[in-house]
PDB file of N, CA and C in Angstrom:
ATOM      1  N   MET A   1       7.842  12.378 144.780  1.00  0.00           N
ATOM      2  CA  MET A   1       8.944  13.199 143.793  1.00  0.00           C
ATOM      3  C   MET A   1       9.210  14.272 144.082  1.00  0.00           C
ATOM      4  N   SER A   2      10.691  14.626 143.864  1.00  0.00           N
ATOM      5  CA  SER A   2      11.288  15.510 144.612  1.00  0.00           C
ATOM      6  C   SER A   2      11.639  16.274 143.811  1.00  0.00           C
ATOM      7  N   ASP A   3      11.429  18.209 143.976  1.00  0.00           N
ATOM      8  CA  ASP A   3      11.824  19.221 142.792  1.00  0.00           C
ATOM      9  C   ASP A   3      13.014  18.639 141.699  1.00  0.00           C
ATOM     10  N   MET A   4      13.888  18.083 142.394  1.00  0.00           N
ATOM     11  CA  MET A   4      14.942  17.555 141.875  1.00  0.00           C
ATOM     12  C   MET A   4      14.660  16.028 140.706  1.00  0.00           C
ATOM     13  N   ASP A   5      13.859  15.414 140.946  1.00  0.00           N
ATOM     14  CA  ASP A   5      13.347  14.489 139.780  1.00  0.00           C
ATOM     15  C   ASP A   5      13.212  15.112 138.446  1.00  0.00           C
ATOM     16  N   PRO A   6      14.122  14.526 137.521  1.00  0.00           N
ATOM     17  CA  PRO A   6      13.521  15.187 136.397  1.00  0.00           C
ATOM     18  C   PRO A   6      12.203  15.173 135.722  1.00  0.00           C
ATOM     19  N   LEU A   7      11.350  14.567 136.084  1.00  0.00           N
ATOM     20  CA  LEU A   7       9.930  14.163 135.665  1.00  0.00           C
ATOM     21  C   LEU A   7       9.216  15.594 136.117  1.00  0.00           C
ATOM     22  N   VAL A   8       9.059  16.438 137.437  1.00  0.00           N
ATOM     23  CA  VAL A   8       8.509  17.523 137.909  1.00  0.00           C
ATOM     24  C   VAL A   8       8.789  18.399 137.114  1.00  0.00           C
ATOM     25  N   PRO A   9      10.127  19.111 136.475  1.00  0.00           N
ATOM     26  CA  PRO A   9      10.303  20.458 135.557  1.00  0.00           C
ATOM     27  C   PRO A   9       9.669  19.363 134.251  1.00  0.00           C
ATOM     28  N   ALA A  10       9.936  18.459 133.790  1.00  0.00           N
ATOM     29  CA  ALA A  10       9.171  17.945 132.344  1.00  0.00           C
ATOM     30  C   ALA A  10       7.808  18.058 132.510  1.00  0.00           C
ATOM     31  N   LEU A  11       7.617  17.829 133.279  1.00  0.00           N
ATOM     32  CA  LEU A  11       5.803  17.597 133.042  1.00  0.00           C
ATOM     33  C   LEU A  11       5.280  19.079 133.366  1.00  0.00           C
ATOM     34  N   ALA A  12       6.304  19.971 134.256  1.00  0.00           N
ATOM     35  CA  ALA A  12       5.669  21.499 134.432  1.00  0.00           C
ATOM     36  C   ALA A  12       5.858  22.395 133.210  1.00  0.00           C
ATOM     37  N   GLY A  13       7.041  22.291 132.349  1.00  0.00           N
ATOM     38  CA  GLY A  13       7.271  22.615 130.990  1.00  0.00           C
ATOM     39  C   GLY A  13       6.199  22.221 130.224  1.00  0.00           C
ATOM     40  N   LEU A  14       5.674  21.079 130.121  1.00  0.00           N
ATOM     41  CA  LEU A  14       4.655  20.796 129.266  1.00  0.00           C
ATOM     42  C   LEU A  14       3.286  21.459 129.576  1.00  0.00           C
ATOM     43  N   VAL A  15       3.153  21.298 130.704  1.00  0.00           N
ATOM     44  CA  VAL A  15       1.609  22.119 130.982  1.00  0.00           C
ATOM     45  C   VAL A  15       1.315  23.779 130.837  1.00  0.00           C
ATOM     46  N   VAL A  16       3.085  24.078 130.944  1.00  0.00           N
ATOM     47  CA  VAL A  16       3.104  25.348 130.690  1.00  0.00           C
ATOM     48  C   VAL A  16       3.008  25.690 128.892  1.00  0.00           C
ATOM     49  N   ASP A  17       3.674  25.332 128.047  1.00  0.00           N
ATOM     50  CA  ASP A  17       4.031  24.579 126.630  1.00  0.00           C
ATOM     51  C   ASP A  17       2.509  24.385 126.268  1.00  0.00           C
ATOM     52  N   VAL A  18       1.166  23.693 126.439  1.00  0.00           N
ATOM     53  CA  VAL A  18       0.223  23.247 126.322  1.00  0.00           C
ATOM     54  C   VAL A  18      -0.804  24.327 126.548  1.00  0.00           C
ATOM     55  N   VAL A  19      -0.827  25.285 127.566  1.00  0.00           N
ATOM     56  CA  VAL A  19      -1.077  26.777 127.724  1.00  0.00           C
ATOM     57  C   VAL A  19      -1.059  27.691 126.633  1.00  0.00           C
ATOM     58  N   TRP A  20       0.212  28.031 127.068  1.00  0.00           N
ATOM     59  CA  TRP A  20       0.802  28.895 125.832  1.00  0.00           C
ATOM     60  C   TRP A  20       0.482  28.564 124.296  1.00  0.00           C
ATOM     61  N   PHE A  21       0.423  27.598 124.187  1.00  0.00           N
ATOM     62  CA  PHE A  21      -0.386  26.990 122.795  1.00  0.00           C
ATOM     63  C   PHE A  21      -1.852  27.284 122.870  1.00  0.00           C
ATOM     64  N   LEU A  22      -2.645  26.903 123.426  1.00  0.00           N
ATOM     65  CA  LEU A  22      -4.134  27.271 123.650  1.00  0.00           C
ATOM     66  C   LEU A  22      -4.038  29.017 123.420  1.00  0.00           C
ATOM     67  N   GLU A  23      -3.457  29.816 124.346  1.00  0.00           N
ATOM     68  CA  GLU A  23      -3.648  30.886 124.512  1.00  0.00           C
ATOM     69  C   GLU A  23      -3.628  31.644 123.044  1.00  0.00           C
ATOM     70  N   SER A  24      -2.077  31.094 122.338  1.00  0.00           N
ATOM     71  CA  SER A  24      -1.772  31.814 121.157  1.00  0.00           C
ATOM     72  C   SER A  24      -2.428  31.454 119.742  1.00  0.00           C
ATOM     73  N   CYS A  25      -2.874  30.150 119.712  1.00  0.00           N
ATOM     74  CA  CYS A  25      -3.047  29.594 118.819  1.00  0.00           C
ATOM     75  C   CYS A  25      -4.187  30.700 118.326  1.00  0.00           C
ATOM     76  N   GLY A  26      -4.572  30.374 116.779  1.00  0.00           N
ATOM     77  CA  GLY A  26      -5.876  31.132 116.229  1.00  0.00           C
ATOM     78  C   GLY A  26      -6.907  30.132 116.043  1.00  0.00           C
ATOM     79  N   ASP A  27      -8.130  30.757 115.807  1.00  0.00           N
ATOM     80  CA  ASP A  27      -9.731  30.049 116.135  1.00  0.00           C
ATOM     81  C   ASP A  27      -9.574  29.061 114.794  1.00  0.00           C
ATOM     82  N   ASP A  28      -8.412  29.387 113.973  1.00  0.00           N
ATOM     83  CA  ASP A  28      -8.834  28.107 112.885  1.00  0.00           C
ATOM     84  C   ASP A  28      -7.979  26.933 113.081  1.00  0.00           C
ATOM     85  N   GLU A  29      -6.949  26.989 114.204  1.00  0.00           N
ATOM     86  CA  GLU A  29      -6.512  25.666 114.821  1.00  0.00           C
ATOM     87  C   GLU A  29      -6.905  25.160 115.730  1.00  0.00           C
ATOM     88  N   VAL A  30      -7.551  25.638 116.707  1.00  0.00           N
ATOM     89  CA  VAL A  30      -8.817  24.911 117.682  1.00  0.00           C
ATOM     90  C   VAL A  30      -9.709  25.902 117.943  1.00  0.00           C
ATOM     91  N   ASP A  31     -10.683  24.933 118.190  1.00  0.00           N
ATOM     92  CA  ASP A  31     -11.841  25.560 118.482  1.00  0.00           C
ATOM     93  C   ASP A  31     -12.109  26.545 119.601  1.00  0.00           C
ATOM     94  N   PRO A  32     -12.149  27.880 119.761  1.00  0.00           N
ATOM     95  CA  PRO A  32     -12.184  29.015 120.980  1.00  0.00           C
ATOM     96  C   PRO A  32     -12.923  28.234 122.350  1.00  0.00           C
ATOM     97  N   ASP A  33     -13.804  27.964 121.726  1.00  0.00           N
ATOM     98  CA  ASP A  33     -14.428  27.265 123.029  1.00  0.00           C
ATOM     99  C   ASP A  33     -13.889  25.985 123.795  1.00  0.00           C
ATOM    100  N   SER A  34     -13.313  25.180 123.084  1.00  0.00           N
ATOM    101  CA  SER A  34     -12.559  23.939 123.603  1.00  0.00           C
ATOM    102  C   SER A  34     -11.328  24.263 124.145  1.00  0.00           C
ATOM    103  N   ALA A  35     -10.895  25.622 123.346  1.00  0.00           N
ATOM    104  CA  ALA A  35      -9.272  26.156 124.360  1.00  0.00           C
ATOM    105  C   ALA A  35      -9.594  26.816 125.470  1.00  0.00           C
ATOM    106  N   VAL A  36     -10.826  26.944 125.755  1.00  0.00           N
ATOM    107  CA  VAL A  36     -11.218  28.052 126.854  1.00  0.00           C
ATOM    108  C   VAL A  36     -11.407  26.801 128.017  1.00  0.00           C
ATOM    109  N   LYS A  37     -12.170  25.889 127.710  1.00  0.00           N
ATOM    110  CA  LYS A  37     -12.642  24.679 128.386  1.00  0.00           C
ATOM    111  C   LYS A  37     -11.336  23.859 128.735  1.00  0.00           C
ATOM    112  N   MET A  38     -10.253  23.440 128.023  1.00  0.00           N
ATOM    113  CA  MET A  38      -9.394  23.166 128.353  1.00  0.00           C
ATOM    114  C   MET A  38      -8.264  24.177 129.204  1.00  0.00           C
ATOM    115  N   LEU A  39      -8.115  25.446 129.338  1.00  0.00           N
ATOM    116  CA  LEU A  39      -7.625  26.223 129.948  1.00  0.00           C
ATOM    117  C   LEU A  39      -7.915  26.525 131.036  1.00  0.00           C
ATOM    118  N   GLU A  40      -9.582  26.373 131.386  1.00  0.00           N
ATOM    119  CA  GLU A  40     -10.128  26.607 132.376  1.00  0.00           C
ATOM    120  C   GLU A  40      -9.991  25.162 133.616  1.00  0.00           C
ATOM    121  N   GLY A  41      -9.886  24.208 133.021  1.00  0.00           N
ATOM    122  CA  GLY A  41      -9.517  22.828 133.506  1.00  0.00           C
ATOM    123  C   GLY A  41      -8.168  22.852 134.025  1.00  0.00           C
ATOM    124  N   VAL A  42      -7.267  23.329 133.459  1.00  0.00           N
ATOM    125  CA  VAL A  42      -5.700  23.249 133.585  1.00  0.00           C
ATOM    126  C   VAL A  42      -5.639  24.450 135.166  1.00  0.00           C
ATOM    127  N   GLY A  43      -5.925  24.897 134.765  1.00  0.00           N
ATOM    128  CA  GLY A  43      -6.301  26.308 135.891  1.00  0.00           C
ATOM    129  C   GLY A  43      -6.915  25.600 137.061  1.00  0.00           C
ATOM    130  N   GLY A  44      -7.902  25.022 136.858  1.00  0.00           N
ATOM    131  CA  GLY A  44      -8.431  24.090 138.242  1.00  0.00           C
ATOM    132  C   GLY A  44      -8.113  23.298 138.770  1.00  0.00           C
ATOM    133  N   GLU A  45      -7.645  22.337 137.910  1.00  0.00           N
ATOM    134  CA  GLU A  45      -6.499  21.193 138.511  1.00  0.00           C
ATOM    135  C   GLU A  45      -5.284  21.937 139.374  1.00  0.00           C
ATOM    136  N   LEU A  46      -4.610  23.143 139.021  1.00  0.00           N
ATOM    137  CA  LEU A  46      -3.490  23.516 139.704  1.00  0.00           C
ATOM    138  C   LEU A  46      -3.668  24.073 140.643  1.00  0.00           C
ATOM    139  N   LEU A  47      -5.023  24.842 140.708  1.00  0.00           N
ATOM    140  CA  LEU A  47      -5.559  25.433 141.953  1.00  0.00           C
ATOM    141  C   LEU A  47      -6.162  24.469 143.236  1.00  0.00           C
ATOM    142  N   ARG A  48      -6.327  23.252 142.621  1.00  0.00           N
ATOM    143  CA  ARG A  48      -6.431  22.365 143.805  1.00  0.00           C
ATOM    144  C   ARG A  48      -5.082  21.334 144.287  1.00  0.00           C
ATOM    145  N   LEU A  49      -3.733  21.743 143.984  1.00  0.00           N
ATOM    146  CA  LEU A  49      -3.006  21.327 144.430  1.00  0.00           C
ATOM    147  C   LEU A  49      -2.851  21.902 145.668  1.00  0.00           C
ATOM    148  N   PRO A  50      -2.170  20.520 146.614  1.00  0.00           N
ATOM    149  CA  PRO A  50      -2.198  21.137 147.933  1.00  0.00           C
ATOM    150  C   PRO A  50      -1.388  21.953 148.243  1.00  0.00           C
ATOM    151  N   PRO A  51      -1.278  23.026 149.375  1.00  0.00           N
ATOM    152  CA  PRO A  51      -0.176  24.264 149.592  1.00  0.00           C
ATOM    153  C   PRO A  51       1.100  23.881 149.135  1.00  0.00           C
ATOM    154  N   ASP A  52       1.672  22.496 149.737  1.00  0.00           N
ATOM    155  CA  ASP A  52       3.059  22.316 149.476  1.00  0.00           C
ATOM    156  C   ASP A  52       3.460  21.723 147.802  1.00  0.00           C
ATOM    157  N   GLN A  53       2.612  21.216 147.610  1.00  0.00           N
ATOM    158  CA  GLN A  53       2.318  20.789 145.995  1.00  0.00           C
ATOM    159  C   GLN A  53       2.674  22.218 145.227  1.00  0.00           C
ATOM    160  N   ARG A  54       1.802  22.919 145.388  1.00  0.00           N
ATOM    161  CA  ARG A  54       1.651  24.519 144.906  1.00  0.00           C
ATOM    162  C   ARG A  54       3.050  25.067 144.739  1.00  0.00           C
ATOM    163  N   ALA A  55       3.315  25.364 146.106  1.00  0.00           N
ATOM    164  CA  ALA A  55       5.013  26.039 146.085  1.00  0.00           C
ATOM    165  C   ALA A  55       5.978  25.167 145.712  1.00  0.00           C
ATOM    166  N   ARG A  56       5.879  23.838 145.388  1.00  0.00           N
ATOM    167  CA  ARG A  56       6.782  22.917 144.788  1.00  0.00           C
ATOM    168  C   ARG A  56       7.143  23.452 143.412  1.00  0.00           C
ATOM    169  N   LEU A  57       5.481  23.121 142.512  1.00  0.00           N
ATOM    170  CA  LEU A  57       5.257  23.772 141.275  1.00  0.00           C
ATOM    171  C   LEU A  57       5.966  25.380 140.890  1.00  0.00           C
ATOM    172  N   LEU A  58       5.716  26.537 142.174  1.00  0.00           N
ATOM    173  CA  LEU A  58       6.249  27.642 141.445  1.00  0.00           C
ATOM    174  C   LEU A  58       7.703  27.634 141.802  1.00  0.00           C
ATOM    175  N   ARG A  59       8.187  26.845 142.845  1.00  0.00           N
ATOM    176  CA  ARG A  59       9.579  26.906 142.421  1.00  0.00           C
ATOM    177  C   ARG A  59      10.198  26.170 140.950  1.00  0.00           C
ATOM    178  N   VAL A  60       9.591  25.279 140.437  1.00  0.00           N
ATOM    179  CA  VAL A  60       9.985  24.664 139.305  1.00  0.00           C
ATOM    180  C   VAL A  60      10.125  25.564 138.352  1.00  0.00           C
ATOM    181  N   LEU A  61       8.825  26.287 138.256  1.00  0.00           N
ATOM    182  CA  LEU A  61       8.446  27.227 137.358  1.00  0.00           C
ATOM    183  C   LEU A  61       9.777  28.142 137.329  1.00  0.00           C
ATOM    184  N   THR A  62       9.932  28.699 138.541  1.00  0.00           N
ATOM    185  CA  THR A  62      10.746  29.465 138.803  1.00  0.00           C
ATOM    186  C   THR A  62      12.427  29.247 137.974  1.00  0.00           C
ATOM    187  N   GLY A  63      12.648  28.023 138.332  1.00  0.00           N
ATOM    188  CA  GLY A  63      13.924  27.503 137.903  1.00  0.00           C
ATOM    189  C   GLY A  63      13.787  27.572 136.190  1.00  0.00           C
ATOM    190  N   LEU A  64      12.403  27.240 135.855  1.00  0.00           N
ATOM    191  CA  LEU A  64      12.637  26.967 134.329  1.00  0.00           C
ATOM    192  C   LEU A  64      12.641  28.461 133.451  1.00  0.00           C
ATOM    193  N   ALA A  65      12.013  29.110 134.273  1.00  0.00           N
ATOM    194  CA  ALA A  65      12.567  30.449 133.576  1.00  0.00           C
ATOM    195  C   ALA A  65      13.449  31.185 133.983  1.00  0.00           C
ATOM    196  N   GLU A  66      14.333  30.724 134.835  1.00  0.00           N
ATOM    197  CA  GLU A  66      15.600  31.138 134.974  1.00  0.00           C
ATOM    198  C   GLU A  66      16.485  30.549 133.976  1.00  0.00           C
ATOM    199  N   ALA A  67      15.939  29.429 133.474  1.00  0.00           N
ATOM    200  CA  ALA A  67      16.889  28.592 132.818  1.00  0.00           C
ATOM    201  C   ALA A  67      16.783  28.785 131.138  1.00  0.00           C
ATOM    202  N   GLU A  68      15.579  29.673 130.908  1.00  0.00           N
ATOM    203  CA  GLU A  68      15.126  29.530 129.836  1.00  0.00           C
ATOM    204  C   GLU A  68      15.911  30.524 128.815  1.00  0.00           C
ATOM    205  N   PRO A  69      15.906  30.369 127.694  1.00  0.00           N
ATOM    206  CA  PRO A  69      16.922  30.928 126.740  1.00  0.00           C
ATOM    207  C   PRO A  69      16.367  32.182 125.945  1.00  0.00           C
ATOM    208  N   ASN A  70      15.007  31.410 125.617  1.00  0.00           N
ATOM    209  CA  ASN A  70      13.917  31.879 124.489  1.00  0.00           C
ATOM    210  C   ASN A  70      13.059  33.509 125.487  1.00  0.00           C
ATOM    211  N   SER A  71      13.375  34.393 125.370  1.00  0.00           N
ATOM    212  CA  SER A  71      12.913  35.319 126.092  1.00  0.00           C
ATOM    213  C   SER A  71      11.090  35.222 126.013  1.00  0.00           C
ATOM    214  N   ALA A  72      10.266  35.113 125.060  1.00  0.00           N
ATOM    215  CA  ALA A  72       9.392  34.976 124.792  1.00  0.00           C
ATOM    216  C   ALA A  72       8.894  33.690 125.569  1.00  0.00           C
ATOM    217  N   ARG A  73       9.424  32.302 125.604  1.00  0.00           N
ATOM    218  CA  ARG A  73       8.813  31.663 126.758  1.00  0.00           C
ATOM    219  C   ARG A  73       9.279  31.545 128.137  1.00  0.00           C
ATOM    220  N   ARG A  74      10.462  32.759 128.036  1.00  0.00           N
ATOM    221  CA  ARG A  74      10.847  33.219 129.445  1.00  0.00           C
ATOM    222  C   ARG A  74       9.435  33.685 130.333  1.00  0.00           C
ATOM    223  N   GLU A  75       9.235  35.254 129.033  1.00  0.00           N
ATOM    224  CA  GLU A  75       8.079  36.118 130.137  1.00  0.00           C
ATOM    225  C   GLU A  75       6.783  34.931 130.243  1.00  0.00           C
ATOM    226  N   PHE A  76       6.488  34.106 129.272  1.00  0.00           N
ATOM    227  CA  PHE A  76       5.592  33.427 129.711  1.00  0.00           C
ATOM    228  C   PHE A  76       5.311  32.533 131.236  1.00  0.00           C
ATOM    229  N   LEU A  77       6.863  31.881 131.047  1.00  0.00           N
ATOM    230  CA  LEU A  77       6.888  31.240 132.356  1.00  0.00           C
ATOM    231  C   LEU A  77       6.352  32.243 133.550  1.00  0.00           C
ATOM    232  N   GLU A  78       7.264  33.763 133.501  1.00  0.00           N
ATOM    233  CA  GLU A  78       7.252  33.920 134.474  1.00  0.00           C
ATOM    234  C   GLU A  78       6.227  34.645 135.043  1.00  0.00           C
ATOM    235  N   SER A  79       5.206  34.694 134.103  1.00  0.00           N
ATOM    236  CA  SER A  79       3.229  35.307 134.028  1.00  0.00           C
ATOM    237  C   SER A  79       2.700  33.715 134.625  1.00  0.00           C
ATOM    238  N   PHE A  80       3.141  32.983 134.297  1.00  0.00           N
ATOM    239  CA  PHE A  80       2.438  31.640 134.198  1.00  0.00           C
ATOM    240  C   PHE A  80       1.525  31.646 135.693  1.00  0.00           C
ATOM    241  N   PRO A  81       2.147  31.759 136.867  1.00  0.00           N
ATOM    242  CA  PRO A  81       1.513  31.582 137.870  1.00  0.00           C
ATOM    243  C   PRO A  81       0.377  32.571 138.017  1.00  0.00           C
ATOM    244  N   PHE A  82       0.791  33.789 137.819  1.00  0.00           N
ATOM    245  CA  PHE A  82      -0.441  34.808 138.111  1.00  0.00           C
ATOM    246  C   PHE A  82      -1.465  34.354 137.185  1.00  0.00           C
ATOM    247  N   ALA A  83      -1.205  34.141 135.941  1.00  0.00           N
ATOM    248  CA  ALA A  83      -2.077  33.982 134.534  1.00  0.00           C
ATOM    249  C   ALA A  83      -2.903  32.820 135.102  1.00  0.00           C
ATOM    250  N   CYS A  84      -2.640  31.843 136.012  1.00  0.00           N
ATOM    251  CA  CYS A  84      -3.505  30.562 136.311  1.00  0.00           C
ATOM    252  C   CYS A  84      -3.932  31.033 137.455  1.00  0.00           C
ATOM    253  N   GLY A  85      -3.584  31.777 138.008  1.00  0.00           N
ATOM    254  CA  GLY A  85      -4.274  31.903 139.458  1.00  0.00           C
ATOM    255  C   GLY A  85      -3.301  31.456 140.768  1.00  0.00           C
ATOM    256  N   LEU A  86      -2.442  31.112 140.459  1.00  0.00           N
ATOM    257  CA  LEU A  86      -1.571  30.545 141.475  1.00  0.00           C
ATOM    258  C   LEU A  86      -1.027  31.815 142.728  1.00  0.00           C
ATOM    259  N   VAL A  87      -0.601  32.528 142.212  1.00  0.00           N
ATOM    260  CA  VAL A  87      -0.233  33.065 142.918  1.00  0.00           C
ATOM    261  C   VAL A  87      -1.263  35.080 142.852  1.00  0.00           C
ATOM    262  N   ASP A  88      -1.507  35.820 143.853  1.00  0.00           N
ATOM    263  CA  ASP A  88      -2.050  36.935 143.114  1.00  0.00           C
ATOM    264  C   ASP A  88      -1.758  38.010 142.667  1.00  0.00           C
ATOM    265  N   GLU A  89      -0.463  38.120 143.143  1.00  0.00           N
ATOM    266  CA  GLU A  89       0.484  39.375 141.859  1.00  0.00           C
ATOM    267  C   GLU A  89       1.396  38.615 140.371  1.00  0.00           C
ATOM    268  N   PRO A  90       1.571  39.249 139.912  1.00  0.00           N
ATOM    269  CA  PRO A  90       2.670  39.064 139.324  1.00  0.00           C
ATOM    270  C   PRO A  90       3.991  38.854 139.433  1.00  0.00           C
ATOM    271  N   ARG A  91       5.209  37.939 139.519  1.00  0.00           N
ATOM    272  CA  ARG A  91       5.764  37.965 140.176  1.00  0.00           C
ATOM    273  C   ARG A  91       7.197  38.456 139.369  1.00  0.00           C
ATOM    274  N   ARG A  92       7.713  39.418 140.078  1.00  0.00           N
ATOM    275  CA  ARG A  92       9.080  40.226 139.074  1.00  0.00           C
ATOM    276  C   ARG A  92      10.080  40.257 140.394  1.00  0.00           C
TER     277      ARG A  92
END
């Protein structure tokens, strides 16, 4: 799969949306312990990506953020790599 494969940005966007949902939902929507466990699992899987795939994911996330018309989702996309531990500092 290349960066241009439509599956790559679609899957990256879905991962971001799931994380955004789990981080923003209330305790009455999702059990907090379950949400934390899922978030840790997602972050762990992303950190296990080989360096070339991690770099590709970061490029895709940057492209998604640049194309995102919703400012809240764009900000979340921009902060996602830092929040998941993919980069050491927030990207600006």
